[in-house]
């Protein structure tokens, strides 16, 4: 499933954004370890965070894990403030996240 599907109808661009929960749900069947790289995100809302937590809990039931990569100072403060960092392992570089899952 593509994260964003772009179509054009009568000169109107339609950007259909697929939910992160659906995308992660598909990956959970094939993989035990997932890195969600939010390094390019400037903002996440409570719905997005809720989908991440739901996916994380489902992964835990399957003995898997999801880790986050966050390198934006504002976003990292939001993640810490929301309490999400008490659920997820959060890394500031992709390299660190990858190393944590390959140890």
C-alpha atoms as a PDB file:
ATOM      1  CA  UNK A   1       0.000   0.000   0.000  1.00  0.00           C
ATOM      2  CA  UNK A   2       1.327   3.392  -0.940  1.00  0.00           C
ATOM      3  CA  UNK A   3       1.421   6.046   1.792  1.00  0.00           C
ATOM      4  CA  UNK A   4      -0.091   8.599  -0.571  1.00  0.00           C
ATOM      5  CA  UNK A   5      -1.988   7.890  -3.761  1.00  0.00           C
ATOM      6  CA  UNK A   6      -2.208  10.780  -6.201  1.00  0.00           C
ATOM      7  CA  UNK A   7      -4.916  10.906  -8.844  1.00  0.00           C
ATOM      8  CA  UNK A   8      -6.175  13.660 -11.102  1.00  0.00           C
ATOM      9  CA  UNK A   9      -9.859  14.025 -11.918  1.00  0.00           C
ATOM     10  CA  UNK A  10     -11.077  16.800 -14.217  1.00  0.00           C
ATOM     11  CA  UNK A  11      -8.029  18.941 -13.448  1.00  0.00           C
ATOM     12  CA  UNK A  12      -8.330  18.420  -9.694  1.00  0.00           C
ATOM     13  CA  UNK A  13      -5.471  16.737  -7.850  1.00  0.00           C
ATOM     14  CA  UNK A  14      -6.648  14.245  -5.241  1.00  0.00           C
ATOM     15  CA  UNK A  15      -4.096  13.198  -2.637  1.00  0.00           C
ATOM     16  CA  UNK A  16      -5.406  10.181  -0.750  1.00  0.00           C
ATOM     17  CA  UNK A  17      -3.385   9.684   2.416  1.00  0.00           C
ATOM     18  CA  UNK A  18      -3.484   6.148   3.763  1.00  0.00           C
ATOM     19  CA  UNK A  19      -3.459   5.763   7.504  1.00  0.00           C
ATOM     20  CA  UNK A  20      -0.223   4.856   9.216  1.00  0.00           C
ATOM     21  CA  UNK A  21      -2.099   2.213  11.195  1.00  0.00           C
ATOM     22  CA  UNK A  22      -3.078   0.360   8.028  1.00  0.00           C
ATOM     23  CA  UNK A  23       0.427   0.537   6.618  1.00  0.00           C
ATOM     24  CA  UNK A  24       2.003  -0.720   9.836  1.00  0.00           C
ATOM     25  CA  UNK A  25      -0.631  -3.459  10.143  1.00  0.00           C
ATOM     26  CA  UNK A  26       0.438  -4.838   6.771  1.00  0.00           C
ATOM     27  CA  UNK A  27       4.110  -4.782   7.764  1.00  0.00           C
ATOM     28  CA  UNK A  28       3.448  -6.512  11.087  1.00  0.00           C
ATOM     29  CA  UNK A  29       2.561  -9.746   9.331  1.00  0.00           C
ATOM     30  CA  UNK A  30       5.922  -9.933   7.590  1.00  0.00           C
ATOM     31  CA  UNK A  31       8.365  -8.294   9.998  1.00  0.00           C
ATOM     32  CA  UNK A  32       9.147  -8.362  13.718  1.00  0.00           C
ATOM     33  CA  UNK A  33      11.074  -5.079  13.848  1.00  0.00           C
ATOM     34  CA  UNK A  34       9.927  -1.762  12.407  1.00  0.00           C
ATOM     35  CA  UNK A  35      11.579   1.657  12.397  1.00  0.00           C
ATOM     36  CA  UNK A  36       9.216   4.598  11.927  1.00  0.00           C
ATOM     37  CA  UNK A  37      11.428   7.422  10.700  1.00  0.00           C
ATOM     38  CA  UNK A  38       9.811  10.750  11.580  1.00  0.00           C
ATOM     39  CA  UNK A  39      12.954  12.737  10.855  1.00  0.00           C
ATOM     40  CA  UNK A  40      11.262  14.619   8.014  1.00  0.00           C
ATOM     41  CA  UNK A  41       8.046  15.296   9.988  1.00  0.00           C
ATOM     42  CA  UNK A  42       7.519  18.706  11.446  1.00  0.00           C
ATOM     43  CA  UNK A  43       4.267  17.867  13.196  1.00  0.00           C
ATOM     44  CA  UNK A  44       2.289  14.853  14.370  1.00  0.00           C
ATOM     45  CA  UNK A  45      -1.158  14.950  15.909  1.00  0.00           C
ATOM     46  CA  UNK A  46      -2.892  12.831  18.528  1.00  0.00           C
ATOM     47  CA  UNK A  47      -4.547  10.631  15.899  1.00  0.00           C
ATOM     48  CA  UNK A  48      -1.166   9.773  14.404  1.00  0.00           C
ATOM     49  CA  UNK A  49       0.302   9.087  17.847  1.00  0.00           C
ATOM     50  CA  UNK A  50      -2.713   6.937  18.718  1.00  0.00           C
ATOM     51  CA  UNK A  51      -2.167   4.876  15.559  1.00  0.00           C
ATOM     52  CA  UNK A  52       1.482   4.403  16.495  1.00  0.00           C
ATOM     53  CA  UNK A  53       0.595   3.257  20.020  1.00  0.00           C
ATOM     54  CA  UNK A  54      -2.073   0.865  18.682  1.00  0.00           C
ATOM     55  CA  UNK A  55       0.445  -0.594  16.231  1.00  0.00           C
ATOM     56  CA  UNK A  56       3.096  -0.860  18.931  1.00  0.00           C
ATOM     57  CA  UNK A  57       0.753  -2.827  21.198  1.00  0.00           C
ATOM     58  CA  UNK A  58      -0.166  -5.183  18.360  1.00  0.00           C
ATOM     59  CA  UNK A  59       3.515  -5.702  17.614  1.00  0.00           C
ATOM     60  CA  UNK A  60       4.209  -6.476  21.278  1.00  0.00           C
ATOM     61  CA  UNK A  61       1.500  -9.171  21.157  1.00  0.00           C
ATOM     62  CA  UNK A  62       3.497 -10.747  18.298  1.00  0.00           C
ATOM     63  CA  UNK A  63       6.813 -10.343  20.173  1.00  0.00           C
ATOM     64  CA  UNK A  64       7.880  -7.587  17.802  1.00  0.00           C
ATOM     65  CA  UNK A  65       8.831  -3.964  18.281  1.00  0.00           C
ATOM     66  CA  UNK A  66       8.552  -0.537  16.719  1.00  0.00           C
ATOM     67  CA  UNK A  67      11.108   2.200  17.348  1.00  0.00           C
ATOM     68  CA  UNK A  68      10.970   5.855  16.351  1.00  0.00           C
ATOM     69  CA  UNK A  69      13.527   8.157  14.774  1.00  0.00           C
ATOM     70  CA  UNK A  70      13.047  11.823  15.597  1.00  0.00           C
ATOM     71  CA  UNK A  71      15.639  14.480  14.925  1.00  0.00           C
ATOM     72  CA  UNK A  72      13.562  17.653  15.041  1.00  0.00           C
ATOM     73  CA  UNK A  73      13.847  19.517  18.346  1.00  0.00           C
ATOM     74  CA  UNK A  74      10.224  20.732  18.347  1.00  0.00           C
ATOM     75  CA  UNK A  75       8.875  17.315  17.432  1.00  0.00           C
ATOM     76  CA  UNK A  76      11.016  15.588  20.035  1.00  0.00           C
ATOM     77  CA  UNK A  77       9.641  17.918  22.713  1.00  0.00           C
ATOM     78  CA  UNK A  78       6.101  17.107  21.547  1.00  0.00           C
ATOM     79  CA  UNK A  79       6.824  13.388  21.705  1.00  0.00           C
ATOM     80  CA  UNK A  80       8.282  13.655  25.199  1.00  0.00           C
ATOM     81  CA  UNK A  81       5.418  15.891  26.378  1.00  0.00           C
ATOM     82  CA  UNK A  82       2.785  13.510  25.020  1.00  0.00           C
ATOM     83  CA  UNK A  83       4.303  10.652  27.012  1.00  0.00           C
ATOM     84  CA  UNK A  84       4.870   8.597  23.875  1.00  0.00           C
ATOM     85  CA  UNK A  85       8.554   8.286  24.726  1.00  0.00           C
ATOM     86  CA  UNK A  86       7.564   6.159  27.717  1.00  0.00           C
ATOM     87  CA  UNK A  87       6.078   3.630  25.267  1.00  0.00           C
ATOM     88  CA  UNK A  88       8.580   3.723  22.396  1.00  0.00           C
ATOM     89  CA  UNK A  89      12.322   3.663  22.202  1.00  0.00           C
ATOM     90  CA  UNK A  90      13.161   6.975  20.531  1.00  0.00           C
ATOM     91  CA  UNK A  91      16.379   7.600  18.623  1.00  0.00           C
ATOM     92  CA  UNK A  92      17.746  10.801  17.153  1.00  0.00           C
ATOM     93  CA  UNK A  93      19.427   9.146  14.175  1.00  0.00           C
ATOM     94  CA  UNK A  94      18.414   6.339  11.851  1.00  0.00           C
ATOM     95  CA  UNK A  95      21.823   4.778  12.387  1.00  0.00           C
ATOM     96  CA  UNK A  96      21.226   4.515  16.145  1.00  0.00           C
ATOM     97  CA  UNK A  97      17.733   3.056  15.646  1.00  0.00           C
ATOM     98  CA  UNK A  98      19.037   0.476  13.193  1.00  0.00           C
ATOM     99  CA  UNK A  99      21.912  -0.450  15.504  1.00  0.00           C
ATOM    100  CA  UNK A 100      19.495  -0.975  18.388  1.00  0.00           C
ATOM    101  CA  UNK A 101      17.493  -3.502  16.372  1.00  0.00           C
ATOM    102  CA  UNK A 102      20.461  -5.408  14.999  1.00  0.00           C
ATOM    103  CA  UNK A 103      22.259  -6.000  18.284  1.00  0.00           C
END
